[in-house]
PDB file of N, CA and C in Angstrom:
ATOM      1  N   MET A   1      16.275  -6.555   3.070  1.00  0.00           N
ATOM      2  CA  MET A   1      15.996  -6.331   1.661  1.00  0.00           C
ATOM      3  C   MET A   1      16.836  -5.183   1.112  1.00  0.00           C
ATOM      4  N   LYS A   2      16.964  -4.119   1.910  1.00  0.00           N
ATOM      5  CA  LYS A   2      17.719  -2.959   1.424  1.00  0.00           C
ATOM      6  C   LYS A   2      19.193  -3.289   1.214  1.00  0.00           C
ATOM      7  N   GLU A   3      19.774  -4.048   2.137  1.00  0.00           N
ATOM      8  CA  GLU A   3      21.183  -4.416   1.996  1.00  0.00           C
ATOM      9  C   GLU A   3      21.390  -5.269   0.751  1.00  0.00           C
ATOM     10  N   TYR A   4      20.526  -6.243   0.550  1.00  0.00           N
ATOM     11  CA  TYR A   4      20.635  -7.097  -0.626  1.00  0.00           C
ATOM     12  C   TYR A   4      20.444  -6.281  -1.898  1.00  0.00           C
ATOM     13  N   ALA A   5      19.459  -5.403  -1.898  1.00  0.00           N
ATOM     14  CA  ALA A   5      19.184  -4.580  -3.080  1.00  0.00           C
ATOM     15  C   ALA A   5      20.430  -3.803  -3.502  1.00  0.00           C
ATOM     16  N   GLN A   6      21.145  -3.266  -2.537  1.00  0.00           N
ATOM     17  CA  GLN A   6      22.364  -2.507  -2.850  1.00  0.00           C
ATOM     18  C   GLN A   6      23.383  -3.370  -3.582  1.00  0.00           C
ATOM     19  N   THR A   7      23.497  -4.632  -3.198  1.00  0.00           N
ATOM     20  CA  THR A   7      24.480  -5.511  -3.849  1.00  0.00           C
ATOM     21  C   THR A   7      24.104  -5.796  -5.299  1.00  0.00           C
ATOM     22  N   LYS A   8      22.849  -5.596  -5.663  1.00  0.00           N
ATOM     23  CA  LYS A   8      22.368  -5.855  -7.022  1.00  0.00           C
ATOM     24  C   LYS A   8      22.083  -4.559  -7.784  1.00  0.00           C
ATOM     25  N   ASN A   9      22.552  -3.430  -7.248  1.00  0.00           N
ATOM     26  CA  ASN A   9      22.316  -2.111  -7.857  1.00  0.00           C
ATOM     27  C   ASN A   9      20.828  -1.820  -8.051  1.00  0.00           C
ATOM     28  N   ILE A  10      20.041  -2.253  -7.078  1.00  0.00           N
ATOM     29  CA  ILE A  10      18.607  -1.951  -7.056  1.00  0.00           C
ATOM     30  C   ILE A  10      18.426  -0.800  -6.075  1.00  0.00           C
ATOM     31  N   TYR A  11      17.796   0.266  -6.529  1.00  0.00           N
ATOM     32  CA  TYR A  11      17.599   1.439  -5.689  1.00  0.00           C
ATOM     33  C   TYR A  11      16.281   1.307  -4.937  1.00  0.00           C
ATOM     34  N   LEU A  12      16.337   0.573  -3.816  1.00  0.00           N
ATOM     35  CA  LEU A  12      15.187   0.358  -2.953  1.00  0.00           C
ATOM     36  C   LEU A  12      15.157   1.518  -1.959  1.00  0.00           C
ATOM     37  N   LEU A  13      14.337   2.502  -2.255  1.00  0.00           N
ATOM     38  CA  LEU A  13      14.327   3.740  -1.493  1.00  0.00           C
ATOM     39  C   LEU A  13      13.594   3.596  -0.169  1.00  0.00           C
ATOM     40  N   ASN A  14      12.587   2.716  -0.126  1.00  0.00           N
ATOM     41  CA  ASN A  14      11.841   2.487   1.108  1.00  0.00           C
ATOM     42  C   ASN A  14      11.173   1.123   1.007  1.00  0.00           C
ATOM     43  N   VAL A  15      11.054   0.468   2.140  1.00  0.00           N
ATOM     44  CA  VAL A  15      10.341  -0.804   2.205  1.00  0.00           C
ATOM     45  C   VAL A  15       9.693  -0.904   3.582  1.00  0.00           C
ATOM     46  N   ASN A  16       8.443  -1.293   3.593  1.00  0.00           N
ATOM     47  CA  ASN A  16       7.705  -1.480   4.832  1.00  0.00           C
ATOM     48  C   ASN A  16       6.456  -2.264   4.476  1.00  0.00           C
ATOM     49  N   GLY A  17       5.892  -2.912   5.427  1.00  0.00           N
ATOM     50  CA  GLY A  17       4.691  -3.680   5.142  1.00  0.00           C
ATOM     51  C   GLY A  17       3.874  -3.908   6.382  1.00  0.00           C
ATOM     52  N   TRP A  18       2.959  -4.811   6.246  1.00  0.00           N
ATOM     53  CA  TRP A  18       2.094  -5.186   7.342  1.00  0.00           C
ATOM     54  C   TRP A  18       1.963  -6.693   7.305  1.00  0.00           C
ATOM     55  N   LEU A  19       1.033  -7.266   7.962  1.00  0.00           N
ATOM     56  CA  LEU A  19       0.964  -8.708   8.179  1.00  0.00           C
ATOM     57  C   LEU A  19       0.985  -9.553   6.912  1.00  0.00           C
ATOM     58  N   ASP A  20       0.346  -9.080   5.853  1.00  0.00           N
ATOM     59  CA  ASP A  20       0.174  -9.932   4.676  1.00  0.00           C
ATOM     60  C   ASP A  20       0.717  -9.332   3.383  1.00  0.00           C
ATOM     61  N   HIS A  21       1.512  -8.281   3.476  1.00  0.00           N
ATOM     62  CA  HIS A  21       2.042  -7.661   2.262  1.00  0.00           C
ATOM     63  C   HIS A  21       3.198  -6.720   2.591  1.00  0.00           C
ATOM     64  N   VAL A  22       3.889  -6.320   1.548  1.00  0.00           N
ATOM     65  CA  VAL A  22       4.991  -5.376   1.700  1.00  0.00           C
ATOM     66  C   VAL A  22       4.903  -4.345   0.572  1.00  0.00           C
ATOM     67  N   HIS A  23       5.287  -3.123   0.884  1.00  0.00           N
ATOM     68  CA  HIS A  23       5.362  -2.059  -0.117  1.00  0.00           C
ATOM     69  C   HIS A  23       6.831  -1.690  -0.296  1.00  0.00           C
ATOM     70  N   CYS A  24       7.236  -1.535  -1.533  1.00  0.00           N
ATOM     71  CA  CYS A  24       8.601  -1.117  -1.845  1.00  0.00           C
ATOM     72  C   CYS A  24       8.545   0.106  -2.759  1.00  0.00           C
ATOM     73  N   LEU A  25       9.365   1.082  -2.467  1.00  0.00           N
ATOM     74  CA  LEU A  25       9.530   2.237  -3.335  1.00  0.00           C
ATOM     75  C   LEU A  25      10.882   2.059  -4.016  1.00  0.00           C
ATOM     76  N   ILE A  26      10.839   1.789  -5.305  1.00  0.00           N
ATOM     77  CA  ILE A  26      12.031   1.426  -6.061  1.00  0.00           C
ATOM     78  C   ILE A  26      12.224   2.405  -7.211  1.00  0.00           C
ATOM     79  N   SER A  27      13.446   2.839  -7.401  1.00  0.00           N
ATOM     80  CA  SER A  27      13.784   3.650  -8.559  1.00  0.00           C
ATOM     81  C   SER A  27      14.528   2.748  -9.545  1.00  0.00           C
ATOM     82  N   LEU A  28      13.954   2.563 -10.717  1.00  0.00           N
ATOM     83  CA  LEU A  28      14.547   1.685 -11.719  1.00  0.00           C
ATOM     84  C   LEU A  28      15.396   2.460 -12.706  1.00  0.00           C
ATOM     85  N   GLU A  29      16.510   1.869 -13.066  1.00  0.00           N
ATOM     86  CA  GLU A  29      17.323   2.389 -14.158  1.00  0.00           C
ATOM     87  C   GLU A  29      16.681   1.927 -15.465  1.00  0.00           C
ATOM     88  N   PRO A  30      16.908   2.632 -16.576  1.00  0.00           N
ATOM     89  CA  PRO A  30      16.272   2.256 -17.843  1.00  0.00           C
ATOM     90  C   PRO A  30      16.510   0.808 -18.266  1.00  0.00           C
ATOM     91  N   GLU A  31      17.675   0.256 -17.940  1.00  0.00           N
ATOM     92  CA  GLU A  31      17.967  -1.117 -18.373  1.00  0.00           C
ATOM     93  C   GLU A  31      17.429  -2.179 -17.407  1.00  0.00           C
ATOM     94  N   GLN A  32      16.925  -1.763 -16.261  1.00  0.00           N
ATOM     95  CA  GLN A  32      16.389  -2.730 -15.302  1.00  0.00           C
ATOM     96  C   GLN A  32      14.968  -3.130 -15.685  1.00  0.00           C
ATOM     97  N   ILE A  33      14.682  -4.402 -15.528  1.00  0.00           N
ATOM     98  CA  ILE A  33      13.361  -4.950 -15.844  1.00  0.00           C
ATOM     99  C   ILE A  33      12.648  -5.218 -14.529  1.00  0.00           C
ATOM    100  N   LEU A  34      11.465  -4.648 -14.386  1.00  0.00           N
ATOM    101  CA  LEU A  34      10.733  -4.728 -13.133  1.00  0.00           C
ATOM    102  C   LEU A  34      10.567  -6.167 -12.646  1.00  0.00           C
ATOM    103  N   SER A  35      10.156  -7.071 -13.513  1.00  0.00           N
ATOM    104  CA  SER A  35       9.925  -8.453 -13.069  1.00  0.00           C
ATOM    105  C   SER A  35      11.208  -9.085 -12.527  1.00  0.00           C
ATOM    106  N   ASN A  36      12.350  -8.770 -13.123  1.00  0.00           N
ATOM    107  CA  ASN A  36      13.621  -9.304 -12.618  1.00  0.00           C
ATOM    108  C   ASN A  36      13.954  -8.742 -11.239  1.00  0.00           C
ATOM    109  N   VAL A  37      13.735  -7.444 -11.070  1.00  0.00           N
ATOM    110  CA  VAL A  37      14.005  -6.802  -9.781  1.00  0.00           C
ATOM    111  C   VAL A  37      13.108  -7.409  -8.698  1.00  0.00           C
ATOM    112  N   ILE A  38      11.840  -7.572  -8.992  1.00  0.00           N
ATOM    113  CA  ILE A  38      10.906  -8.141  -8.021  1.00  0.00           C
ATOM    114  C   ILE A  38      11.303  -9.576  -7.686  1.00  0.00           C
ATOM    115  N   ASN A  39      11.646 -10.366  -8.687  1.00  0.00           N
ATOM    116  CA  ASN A  39      12.056 -11.753  -8.432  1.00  0.00           C
ATOM    117  C   ASN A  39      13.297 -11.829  -7.549  1.00  0.00           C
ATOM    118  N   LEU A  40      14.260 -10.945  -7.772  1.00  0.00           N
ATOM    119  CA  LEU A  40      15.458 -10.924  -6.930  1.00  0.00           C
ATOM    120  C   LEU A  40      15.105 -10.592  -5.481  1.00  0.00           C
ATOM    121  N   LEU A  41      14.281  -9.571  -5.284  1.00  0.00           N
ATOM    122  CA  LEU A  41      13.914  -9.157  -3.926  1.00  0.00           C
ATOM    123  C   LEU A  41      13.083 -10.222  -3.217  1.00  0.00           C
ATOM    124  N   LYS A  42      12.130 -10.803  -3.921  1.00  0.00           N
ATOM    125  CA  LYS A  42      11.294 -11.841  -3.320  1.00  0.00           C
ATOM    126  C   LYS A  42      12.124 -13.085  -3.008  1.00  0.00           C
ATOM    127  N   GLY A  43      12.984 -13.470  -3.918  1.00  0.00           N
ATOM    128  CA  GLY A  43      13.801 -14.660  -3.721  1.00  0.00           C
ATOM    129  C   GLY A  43      14.738 -14.540  -2.537  1.00  0.00           C
ATOM    130  N   GLU A  44      15.467 -13.448  -2.480  1.00  0.00           N
ATOM    131  CA  GLU A  44      16.425 -13.266  -1.392  1.00  0.00           C
ATOM    132  C   GLU A  44      15.722 -13.105  -0.050  1.00  0.00           C
ATOM    133  N   SER A  45      14.611 -12.375  -0.017  1.00  0.00           N
ATOM    134  CA  SER A  45      13.914 -12.192   1.258  1.00  0.00           C
ATOM    135  C   SER A  45      13.303 -13.509   1.734  1.00  0.00           C
ATOM    136  N   SER A  46      12.783 -14.332   0.831  1.00  0.00           N
ATOM    137  CA  SER A  46      12.271 -15.655   1.215  1.00  0.00           C
ATOM    138  C   SER A  46      13.392 -16.501   1.801  1.00  0.00           C
ATOM    139  N   PHE A  47      14.538 -16.495   1.127  1.00  0.00           N
ATOM    140  CA  PHE A  47      15.694 -17.249   1.599  1.00  0.00           C
ATOM    141  C   PHE A  47      16.087 -16.799   3.005  1.00  0.00           C
ATOM    142  N   TRP A  48      16.165 -15.497   3.222  1.00  0.00           N
ATOM    143  CA  TRP A  48      16.574 -14.944   4.515  1.00  0.00           C
ATOM    144  C   TRP A  48      15.563 -15.293   5.604  1.00  0.00           C
ATOM    145  N   ILE A  49      14.277 -15.147   5.312  1.00  0.00           N
ATOM    146  CA  ILE A  49      13.224 -15.466   6.292  1.00  0.00           C
ATOM    147  C   ILE A  49      13.300 -16.931   6.693  1.00  0.00           C
ATOM    148  N   ASN A  50      13.472 -17.823   5.715  1.00  0.00           N
ATOM    149  CA  ASN A  50      13.543 -19.254   6.017  1.00  0.00           C
ATOM    150  C   ASN A  50      14.835 -19.631   6.732  1.00  0.00           C
ATOM    151  N   LYS A  51      15.942 -19.043   6.315  1.00  0.00           N
ATOM    152  CA  LYS A  51      17.236 -19.329   6.953  1.00  0.00           C
ATOM    153  C   LYS A  51      17.214 -18.923   8.425  1.00  0.00           C
ATOM    154  N   ASN A  52      16.566 -17.807   8.719  1.00  0.00           N
ATOM    155  CA  ASN A  52      16.507 -17.290  10.086  1.00  0.00           C
ATOM    156  C   ASN A  52      15.288 -17.783  10.865  1.00  0.00           C
ATOM    157  N   LYS A  53      14.511 -18.679  10.252  1.00  0.00           N
ATOM    158  CA  LYS A  53      13.346 -19.297  10.902  1.00  0.00           C
ATOM    159  C   LYS A  53      12.402 -18.256  11.515  1.00  0.00           C
ATOM    160  N   ILE A  54      12.097 -17.217  10.715  1.00  0.00           N
ATOM    161  CA  ILE A  54      11.194 -16.162  11.156  1.00  0.00           C
ATOM    162  C   ILE A  54       9.755 -16.688  11.259  1.00  0.00           C
ATOM    163  N   CYS A  55       9.408 -17.613  10.385  1.00  0.00           N
ATOM    164  CA  CYS A  55       8.070 -18.217  10.366  1.00  0.00           C
ATOM    165  C   CYS A  55       8.163 -19.667  10.834  1.00  0.00           C
ATOM    166  N   THR A  56       7.074 -20.166  11.407  1.00  0.00           N
ATOM    167  CA  THR A  56       7.066 -21.559  11.860  1.00  0.00           C
ATOM    168  C   THR A  56       6.995 -22.520  10.678  1.00  0.00           C
ATOM    169  N   GLU A  57       6.377 -22.111   9.583  1.00  0.00           N
ATOM    170  CA  GLU A  57       6.320 -22.913   8.365  1.00  0.00           C
ATOM    171  C   GLU A  57       7.205 -22.268   7.303  1.00  0.00           C
ATOM    172  N   LYS A  58       7.495 -23.015   6.237  1.00  0.00           N
ATOM    173  CA  LYS A  58       8.310 -22.463   5.158  1.00  0.00           C
ATOM    174  C   LYS A  58       7.611 -21.256   4.538  1.00  0.00           C
ATOM    175  N   PHE A  59       8.343 -20.170   4.414  1.00  0.00           N
ATOM    176  CA  PHE A  59       7.793 -18.937   3.858  1.00  0.00           C
ATOM    177  C   PHE A  59       8.033 -18.872   2.358  1.00  0.00           C
ATOM    178  N   SER A  60       7.032 -18.388   1.635  1.00  0.00           N
ATOM    179  CA  SER A  60       7.216 -18.050   0.219  1.00  0.00           C
ATOM    180  C   SER A  60       6.221 -16.959  -0.135  1.00  0.00           C
ATOM    181  N   TRP A  61       6.636 -16.105  -1.047  1.00  0.00           N
ATOM    182  CA  TRP A  61       5.764 -15.051  -1.548  1.00  0.00           C
ATOM    183  C   TRP A  61       4.794 -15.648  -2.559  1.00  0.00           C
ATOM    184  N   GLN A  62       3.667 -14.979  -2.737  1.00  0.00           N
ATOM    185  CA  GLN A  62       2.777 -15.381  -3.827  1.00  0.00           C
ATOM    186  C   GLN A  62       3.463 -15.053  -5.144  1.00  0.00           C
ATOM    187  N   ASN A  63       3.017 -15.652  -6.221  1.00  0.00           N
ATOM    188  CA  ASN A  63       3.641 -15.423  -7.526  1.00  0.00           C
ATOM    189  C   ASN A  63       3.376 -14.025  -8.057  1.00  0.00           C
ATOM    190  N   GLU A  64       2.225 -13.469  -7.724  1.00  0.00           N
ATOM    191  CA  GLU A  64       1.836 -12.181  -8.283  1.00  0.00           C
ATOM    192  C   GLU A  64       2.469 -11.017  -7.516  1.00  0.00           C
ATOM    193  N   TYR A  65       2.451  -9.874  -8.169  1.00  0.00           N
ATOM    194  CA  TYR A  65       2.805  -8.614  -7.524  1.00  0.00           C
ATOM    195  C   TYR A  65       2.050  -7.516  -8.256  1.00  0.00           C
ATOM    196  N   PHE A  66       1.989  -6.356  -7.642  1.00  0.00           N
ATOM    197  CA  PHE A  66       1.288  -5.227  -8.215  1.00  0.00           C
ATOM    198  C   PHE A  66       2.242  -4.048  -8.188  1.00  0.00           C
ATOM    199  N   ALA A  67       2.386  -3.356  -9.307  1.00  0.00           N
ATOM    200  CA  ALA A  67       3.307  -2.232  -9.385  1.00  0.00           C
ATOM    201  C   ALA A  67       2.645  -1.070 -10.116  1.00  0.00           C
ATOM    202  N   VAL A  68       2.929   0.129  -9.643  1.00  0.00           N
ATOM    203  CA  VAL A  68       2.502   1.351 -10.325  1.00  0.00           C
ATOM    204  C   VAL A  68       3.697   2.297 -10.354  1.00  0.00           C
ATOM    205  N   SER A  69       3.709   3.166 -11.326  1.00  0.00           N
ATOM    206  CA  SER A  69       4.769   4.173 -11.379  1.00  0.00           C
ATOM    207  C   SER A  69       4.234   5.479 -10.807  1.00  0.00           C
ATOM    208  N   ILE A  70       5.146   6.260 -10.260  1.00  0.00           N
ATOM    209  CA  ILE A  70       4.765   7.554  -9.696  1.00  0.00           C
ATOM    210  C   ILE A  70       5.687   8.628 -10.248  1.00  0.00           C
ATOM    211  N   GLY A  71       5.229   9.857 -10.148  1.00  0.00           N
ATOM    212  CA  GLY A  71       6.052  10.997 -10.522  1.00  0.00           C
ATOM    213  C   GLY A  71       6.760  11.556  -9.300  1.00  0.00           C
ATOM    214  N   GLN A  72       7.756  12.375  -9.527  1.00  0.00           N
ATOM    215  CA  GLN A  72       8.528  12.972  -8.433  1.00  0.00           C
ATOM    216  C   GLN A  72       7.625  13.739  -7.473  1.00  0.00           C
ATOM    217  N   SER A  73       6.578  14.360  -7.980  1.00  0.00           N
ATOM    218  CA  SER A  73       5.684  15.140  -7.114  1.00  0.00           C
ATOM    219  C   SER A  73       4.911  14.253  -6.135  1.00  0.00           C
ATOM    220  N   GLN A  74       4.843  12.951  -6.391  1.00  0.00           N
ATOM    221  CA  GLN A  74       4.122  12.018  -5.515  1.00  0.00           C
ATOM    222  C   GLN A  74       5.046  11.309  -4.528  1.00  0.00           C
ATOM    223  N   PHE A  75       6.340  11.532  -4.663  1.00  0.00           N
ATOM    224  CA  PHE A  75       7.319  10.797  -3.867  1.00  0.00           C
ATOM    225  C   PHE A  75       7.067  10.922  -2.368  1.00  0.00           C
ATOM    226  N   GLU A  76       6.928  12.122  -1.869  1.00  0.00           N
ATOM    227  CA  GLU A  76       6.785  12.324  -0.417  1.00  0.00           C
ATOM    228  C   GLU A  76       5.520  11.648   0.115  1.00  0.00           C
ATOM    229  N   ALA A  77       4.416  11.791  -0.592  1.00  0.00           N
ATOM    230  CA  ALA A  77       3.166  11.172  -0.148  1.00  0.00           C
ATOM    231  C   ALA A  77       3.277   9.650  -0.121  1.00  0.00           C
ATOM    232  N   ILE A  78       3.877   9.070  -1.145  1.00  0.00           N
ATOM    233  CA  ILE A  78       4.029   7.615  -1.212  1.00  0.00           C
ATOM    234  C   ILE A  78       5.001   7.130  -0.134  1.00  0.00           C
ATOM    235  N   ASN A  79       6.068   7.852   0.053  1.00  0.00           N
ATOM    236  CA  ASN A  79       7.045   7.498   1.085  1.00  0.00           C
ATOM    237  C   ASN A  79       6.389   7.520   2.467  1.00  0.00           C
ATOM    238  N   ASN A  80       5.602   8.548   2.748  1.00  0.00           N
ATOM    239  CA  ASN A  80       4.892   8.637   4.029  1.00  0.00           C
ATOM    240  C   ASN A  80       3.883   7.504   4.180  1.00  0.00           C
ATOM    241  N   TYR A  81       3.185   7.180   3.097  1.00  0.00           N
ATOM    242  CA  TYR A  81       2.222   6.082   3.110  1.00  0.00           C
ATOM    243  C   TYR A  81       2.928   4.765   3.459  1.00  0.00           C
ATOM    244  N   ILE A  82       4.057   4.505   2.850  1.00  0.00           N
ATOM    245  CA  ILE A  82       4.808   3.274   3.129  1.00  0.00           C
ATOM    246  C   ILE A  82       5.266   3.249   4.587  1.00  0.00           C
ATOM    247  N   ASN A  83       5.729   4.362   5.093  1.00  0.00           N
ATOM    248  CA  ASN A  83       6.184   4.420   6.484  1.00  0.00           C
ATOM    249  C   ASN A  83       5.049   4.222   7.484  1.00  0.00           C
ATOM    250  N   GLY A  84       3.825   4.553   7.098  1.00  0.00           N
ATOM    251  CA  GLY A  84       2.683   4.507   8.021  1.00  0.00           C
ATOM    252  C   GLY A  84       1.826   3.264   7.917  1.00  0.00           C
ATOM    253  N   GLN A  85       2.370   2.145   7.468  1.00  0.00           N
ATOM    254  CA  GLN A  85       1.569   0.944   7.242  1.00  0.00           C
ATOM    255  C   GLN A  85       0.840   0.442   8.489  1.00  0.00           C
ATOM    256  N   GLU A  86       1.500   0.425   9.627  1.00  0.00           N
ATOM    257  CA  GLU A  86       0.861  -0.105  10.832  1.00  0.00           C
ATOM    258  C   GLU A  86      -0.382   0.707  11.195  1.00  0.00           C
ATOM    259  N   ILE A  87      -0.259   2.009  11.191  1.00  0.00           N
ATOM    260  CA  ILE A  87      -1.395   2.878  11.524  1.00  0.00           C
ATOM    261  C   ILE A  87      -2.472   2.774  10.448  1.00  0.00           C
ATOM    262  N   HIS A  88      -2.047   2.799   9.197  1.00  0.00           N
ATOM    263  CA  HIS A  88      -2.984   2.758   8.068  1.00  0.00           C
ATOM    264  C   HIS A  88      -3.852   1.504   8.106  1.00  0.00           C
ATOM    265  N   HIS A  89      -3.255   0.351   8.376  1.00  0.00           N
ATOM    266  CA  HIS A  89      -3.996  -0.902   8.308  1.00  0.00           C
ATOM    267  C   HIS A  89      -4.769  -1.232   9.575  1.00  0.00           C
ATOM    268  N   LYS A  90      -4.705  -0.377  10.550  1.00  0.00           N
ATOM    269  CA  LYS A  90      -5.627  -0.488  11.681  1.00  0.00           C
ATOM    270  C   LYS A  90      -7.007   0.021  11.260  1.00  0.00           C
ATOM    271  N   LYS A  91      -7.041   0.859  10.226  1.00  0.00           N
ATOM    272  CA  LYS A  91      -8.288   1.448   9.732  1.00  0.00           C
ATOM    273  C   LYS A  91      -8.859   0.687   8.546  1.00  0.00           C
ATOM    274  N   LYS A  92      -7.998   0.095   7.744  1.00  0.00           N
ATOM    275  CA  LYS A  92      -8.440  -0.507   6.484  1.00  0.00           C
ATOM    276  C   LYS A  92      -7.549  -1.700   6.154  1.00  0.00           C
ATOM    277  N   SER A  93      -8.169  -2.810   5.773  1.00  0.00           N
ATOM    278  CA  SER A  93      -7.385  -3.993   5.404  1.00  0.00           C
ATOM    279  C   SER A  93      -6.729  -3.779   4.049  1.00  0.00           C
ATOM    280  N   PHE A  94      -5.725  -4.590   3.777  1.00  0.00           N
ATOM    281  CA  PHE A  94      -5.073  -4.527   2.477  1.00  0.00           C
ATOM    282  C   PHE A  94      -6.079  -4.844   1.368  1.00  0.00           C
ATOM    283  N   GLU A  95      -6.927  -5.832   1.599  1.00  0.00           N
ATOM    284  CA  GLU A  95      -7.916  -6.210   0.585  1.00  0.00           C
ATOM    285  C   GLU A  95      -8.872  -5.058   0.278  1.00  0.00           C
ATOM    286  N   GLN A  96      -9.344  -4.359   1.307  1.00  0.00           N
ATOM    287  CA  GLN A  96     -10.213  -3.194   1.091  1.00  0.00           C
ATOM    288  C   GLN A  96      -9.485  -2.121   0.294  1.00  0.00           C
ATOM    289  N   GLU A  97      -8.274  -1.861   0.671  1.00  0.00           N
ATOM    290  CA  GLU A  97      -7.484  -0.837  -0.002  1.00  0.00           C
ATOM    291  C   GLU A  97      -7.234  -1.208  -1.471  1.00  0.00           C
ATOM    292  N   TYR A  98      -6.895  -2.450  -1.700  1.00  0.00           N
ATOM    293  CA  TYR A  98      -6.640  -2.961  -3.046  1.00  0.00           C
ATOM    294  C   TYR A  98      -7.883  -2.787  -3.921  1.00  0.00           C
ATOM    295  N   ASP A  99      -9.038  -3.211  -3.406  1.00  0.00           N
ATOM    296  CA  ASP A  99     -10.289  -3.082  -4.157  1.00  0.00           C
ATOM    297  C   ASP A  99     -10.612  -1.618  -4.459  1.00  0.00           C
ATOM    298  N   GLU A 100     -10.438  -0.742  -3.480  1.00  0.00           N
ATOM    299  CA  GLU A 100     -10.705   0.683  -3.676  1.00  0.00           C
ATOM    300  C   GLU A 100      -9.774   1.287  -4.719  1.00  0.00           C
ATOM    301  N   PHE A 101      -8.509   0.893  -4.699  1.00  0.00           N
ATOM    302  CA  PHE A 101      -7.536   1.398  -5.660  1.00  0.00           C
ATOM    303  C   PHE A 101      -7.935   1.005  -7.074  1.00  0.00           C
ATOM    304  N   PHE A 102      -8.274  -0.257  -7.267  1.00  0.00           N
ATOM    305  CA  PHE A 102      -8.659  -0.730  -8.593  1.00  0.00           C
ATOM    306  C   PHE A 102      -9.929  -0.042  -9.083  1.00  0.00           C
ATOM    307  N   GLU A 103     -10.857   0.184  -8.174  1.00  0.00           N
ATOM    308  CA  GLU A 103     -12.093   0.862  -8.555  1.00  0.00           C
ATOM    309  C   GLU A 103     -11.837   2.339  -8.886  1.00  0.00           C
ATOM    310  N   ALA A 104     -11.047   3.006  -8.085  1.00  0.00           N
ATOM    311  CA  ALA A 104     -10.778   4.432  -8.274  1.00  0.00           C
ATOM    312  C   ALA A 104     -10.078   4.721  -9.593  1.00  0.00           C
ATOM    313  N   TYR A 105      -9.205   3.813 -10.024  1.00  0.00           N
ATOM    314  CA  TYR A 105      -8.421   4.054 -11.226  1.00  0.00           C
ATOM    315  C   TYR A 105      -8.872   3.188 -12.411  1.00  0.00           C
ATOM    316  N   ALA A 106     -10.013   2.543 -12.262  1.00  0.00           N
ATOM    317  CA  ALA A 106     -10.650   1.757 -13.334  1.00  0.00           C
ATOM    318  C   ALA A 106      -9.721   0.683 -13.910  1.00  0.00           C
ATOM    319  N   PHE A 107      -8.930   0.057 -13.030  1.00  0.00           N
ATOM    320  CA  PHE A 107      -8.126  -1.091 -13.446  1.00  0.00           C
ATOM    321  C   PHE A 107      -9.006  -2.330 -13.462  1.00  0.00           C
ATOM    322  N   GLU A 108      -8.693  -3.233 -14.338  1.00  0.00           N
ATOM    323  CA  GLU A 108      -9.412  -4.501 -14.366  1.00  0.00           C
ATOM    324  C   GLU A 108      -8.565  -5.559 -13.688  1.00  0.00           C
ATOM    325  N   LYS A 109      -9.186  -6.308 -12.808  1.00  0.00           N
ATOM    326  CA  LYS A 109      -8.489  -7.410 -12.141  1.00  0.00           C
ATOM    327  C   LYS A 109      -8.553  -8.627 -13.048  1.00  0.00           C
ATOM    328  N   GLU A 110      -7.485  -9.419 -12.995  1.00  0.00           N
ATOM    329  CA  GLU A 110      -7.487 -10.659 -13.755  1.00  0.00           C
ATOM    330  C   GLU A 110      -8.463 -11.620 -13.126  1.00  0.00           C
ATOM    331  N   LYS A 111      -9.145 -12.350 -13.947  1.00  0.00           N
ATOM    332  CA  LYS A 111     -10.081 -13.365 -13.469  1.00  0.00           C
ATOM    333  C   LYS A 111      -9.298 -14.621 -13.093  1.00  0.00           C
ATOM    334  N   ALA A 112      -9.629 -15.206 -11.965  1.00  0.00           N
ATOM    335  CA  ALA A 112      -8.941 -16.423 -11.502  1.00  0.00           C
ATOM    336  C   ALA A 112      -9.373 -17.635 -12.306  1.00  0.00           C
TER     337      ALA A 112
END
């Protein structure tokens, strides 16, 4: 993902994930549109995973994504969090973490 991002002038500062999700720390330029950047990264990574037969079935990302902005003072903490996904998710599932995040910051989830 990082190599591809460079070819598209996407500043992918960190990427790491766990079994069912990935976290990316991206610095956007003012003219970059988040949805376009996400679509490029998801598209190319799906193509690469399928081309290299990483999964036994055809791989595709879900249509949705979740993004938040951070300030420079939060960079180190977020970077460390992304690097520690394996250890972090031994304690808490992504779903638990997602629910806690939405509750803590009073975000409303879309109804299915």
